[in-house]
Amino acid sequence: MAAIAQVGFEQLTDHAGKAASLHEGDPCKQFVAASVQYILFGVRNPRMAQLLFGGVINMRAAPRALKQSSWAAFQLVETIINNGKRTGEFLDRDTMELAVATWSDIHGLAQLISGGCLSRLAATERQVETLGERVCQLLLTGILKRKE
């Protein structure tokens, strides 16, 4: 199972990384593109997503190669966030904190969609992409109303 999970993490990182690379120099677009690919990966591969993130494998005791492939996926998120912080587009807060917050939100959306909880909003792949893009925009702008 560890070898299968390792391949899954590598595929996830590859898809999200390729999507982000299409928007070099624009961390906001990188964030949205990589996040949408993450969501699509989870929706297209719900069993793999469960293997990777559902506690099936004890990551503390996992083989080194699996830990490295898992970490590479997370580092992609950190890289995009650091790019956004460097350009002044993202908050100057702890990168790990921002990465965990954003990953948690995107992962939750992927789980809700793949579990059928949002079938009215995300019945087709295009609807999944659109919903993912909208949620990402909300993550980037926040839900607080700005005081004028």
Protein backbone atom coordinates (compact mmCIF):
# COMPACT_ATOMS: atom_id res chain seq x y z
CA MET A 1 0.00 0.00 0.00
CA ALA A 2 2.88 2.36 0.74
CA ALA A 3 4.18 2.05 -2.81
CA ILE A 4 0.73 2.79 -4.23
CA ALA A 5 0.40 5.81 -1.94
CA GLN A 6 3.82 7.06 -2.98
CA VAL A 7 2.76 6.96 -6.64
CA GLY A 8 -0.46 8.76 -5.69
CA PHE A 9 1.41 11.58 -3.98
CA GLU A 10 3.76 11.85 -6.95
CA GLN A 11 0.82 12.08 -9.36
CA LEU A 12 -0.92 14.68 -7.20
CA THR A 13 2.24 16.78 -6.98
CA ASP A 14 2.87 16.43 -10.70
CA HIS A 15 -0.64 17.52 -11.71
CA ALA A 16 -0.76 20.44 -9.29
CA GLY A 17 2.82 21.47 -10.08
CA LYS A 18 2.22 21.49 -13.83
CA ALA A 19 -0.91 23.59 -13.37
CA ALA A 20 0.97 26.07 -11.18
CA SER A 21 3.88 26.28 -13.63
CA LEU A 22 1.53 27.62 -16.29
CA HIS A 23 1.26 30.82 -14.23
CA GLU A 24 4.87 31.55 -13.39
CA GLY A 25 5.18 34.90 -11.64
CA ASP A 26 1.52 35.04 -10.59
CA PRO A 27 1.12 33.35 -7.19
CA CYS A 28 -2.64 33.94 -7.07
CA LYS A 29 -3.19 32.12 -10.35
CA GLN A 30 -0.69 29.44 -9.28
CA PHE A 31 -2.66 28.92 -6.08
CA VAL A 32 -5.98 28.58 -7.89
CA ALA A 33 -4.62 26.32 -10.64
CA ALA A 34 -2.81 23.97 -8.24
CA SER A 35 -5.78 23.87 -5.88
CA VAL A 36 -8.24 23.04 -8.64
CA GLN A 37 -5.97 20.20 -9.75
CA TYR A 38 -5.89 18.93 -6.17
CA ILE A 39 -9.69 19.00 -6.05
CA LEU A 40 -9.97 17.23 -9.41
CA PHE A 41 -7.45 14.61 -8.28
CA GLY A 42 -9.54 13.88 -5.20
CA VAL A 43 -12.79 13.77 -7.14
CA ARG A 44 -11.39 11.58 -9.94
CA ASN A 45 -9.55 9.29 -7.52
CA PRO A 46 -11.56 9.09 -4.29
CA ARG A 47 -10.05 5.77 -3.23
CA MET A 48 -6.54 7.07 -3.77
CA ALA A 49 -7.40 10.23 -1.82
CA GLN A 50 -8.68 8.04 1.01
CA LEU A 51 -5.45 6.05 0.95
CA LEU A 52 -3.32 9.20 0.99
CA PHE A 53 -5.25 11.23 3.55
CA GLY A 54 -7.72 8.94 5.30
CA GLY A 55 -5.44 7.49 7.96
CA VAL A 56 -5.12 4.15 6.19
CA ILE A 57 -1.34 4.46 6.39
CA ASN A 58 0.38 5.58 9.58
CA MET A 59 2.61 8.30 8.14
CA ARG A 60 4.75 8.37 11.27
CA ALA A 61 5.80 4.79 10.55
CA ALA A 62 5.71 5.05 6.74
CA PRO A 63 8.75 4.30 4.56
CA ARG A 64 11.05 7.23 3.89
CA ALA A 65 10.15 7.39 0.17
CA LEU A 66 6.46 7.75 1.00
CA LYS A 67 7.16 10.48 3.54
CA GLN A 68 9.27 12.32 0.97
CA SER A 69 6.58 12.14 -1.72
CA SER A 70 3.98 13.33 0.79
CA TRP A 71 6.20 16.19 1.87
CA ALA A 72 6.83 17.19 -1.76
CA ALA A 73 3.09 17.72 -2.23
CA PHE A 74 2.97 19.96 0.83
CA GLN A 75 6.11 21.83 -0.24
CA LEU A 76 4.38 22.80 -3.47
CA VAL A 77 1.76 24.62 -1.39
CA GLU A 78 4.49 26.27 0.69
CA THR A 79 6.37 27.36 -2.43
CA ILE A 80 3.30 29.04 -3.89
CA ILE A 81 2.59 30.76 -0.59
CA ASN A 82 6.19 31.93 -0.27
CA ASN A 83 6.03 33.29 -3.82
CA GLY A 84 2.90 35.22 -2.86
CA LYS A 85 4.53 36.55 0.28
CA ARG A 86 7.59 37.65 -1.71
CA THR A 87 5.45 39.59 -4.17
CA GLY A 88 3.43 41.11 -1.35
CA GLU A 89 0.18 39.52 -2.50
CA PHE A 90 -0.19 37.11 0.43
CA LEU A 91 -0.20 37.84 4.13
CA ASP A 92 3.17 38.00 5.84
CA ARG A 93 2.29 35.24 8.28
CA ASP A 94 3.86 31.91 9.08
CA THR A 95 4.06 29.91 5.84
CA MET A 96 3.27 26.59 7.53
CA GLU A 97 0.16 28.10 9.11
CA LEU A 98 -1.05 29.50 5.79
CA ALA A 99 -0.28 26.23 3.99
CA VAL A 100 -2.17 24.12 6.53
CA ALA A 101 -5.15 26.46 6.44
CA THR A 102 -5.39 26.50 2.66
CA TRP A 103 -4.68 22.79 2.22
CA SER A 104 -7.35 21.95 4.81
CA ASP A 105 -9.94 24.03 2.99
CA ILE A 106 -9.14 22.63 -0.44
CA HIS A 107 -8.99 19.06 0.87
CA GLY A 108 -12.32 19.50 2.61
CA LEU A 109 -13.93 20.72 -0.60
CA ALA A 110 -12.54 17.75 -2.52
CA GLN A 111 -13.92 15.38 0.13
CA LEU A 112 -17.35 17.03 0.12
CA ILE A 113 -17.57 16.82 -3.66
CA SER A 114 -16.30 13.24 -3.96
CA GLY A 115 -18.64 12.19 -1.15
CA GLY A 116 -21.63 13.53 -3.07
CA CYS A 117 -22.44 16.23 -0.53
CA LEU A 118 -22.28 18.99 -3.14
CA SER A 119 -23.84 17.16 -6.08
CA ARG A 120 -26.15 20.06 -6.92
CA LEU A 121 -23.19 22.42 -7.22
CA ALA A 122 -20.59 20.06 -8.66
CA ALA A 123 -22.25 17.40 -10.81
CA THR A 124 -19.89 17.77 -13.78
CA GLU A 125 -16.15 18.17 -13.97
CA ARG A 126 -16.57 21.72 -15.28
CA GLN A 127 -18.79 22.54 -12.29
CA VAL A 128 -16.14 21.07 -9.99
CA GLU A 129 -13.53 23.32 -11.59
CA THR A 130 -15.76 26.39 -11.33
CA LEU A 131 -16.65 25.73 -7.71
CA GLY A 132 -12.98 25.10 -6.93
CA GLU A 133 -11.98 28.38 -8.55
CA ARG A 134 -14.64 30.30 -6.63
CA VAL A 135 -13.68 28.74 -3.31
CA CYS A 136 -10.02 29.53 -4.01
CA GLN A 137 -10.90 33.15 -4.71
CA LEU A 138 -12.69 33.29 -1.37
CA LEU A 139 -9.63 31.82 0.32
CA LEU A 140 -7.45 34.44 -1.31
CA THR A 141 -9.69 37.37 -0.42
CA GLY A 142 -11.13 36.11 2.85
CA ILE A 143 -14.69 36.27 4.08
CA LEU A 144 -14.35 39.28 6.32
CA LYS A 145 -16.00 42.42 5.09
CA ARG A 146 -13.35 45.13 4.82
CA LYS A 147 -13.98 48.18 6.97
CA GLU A 148 -13.87 51.38 5.01
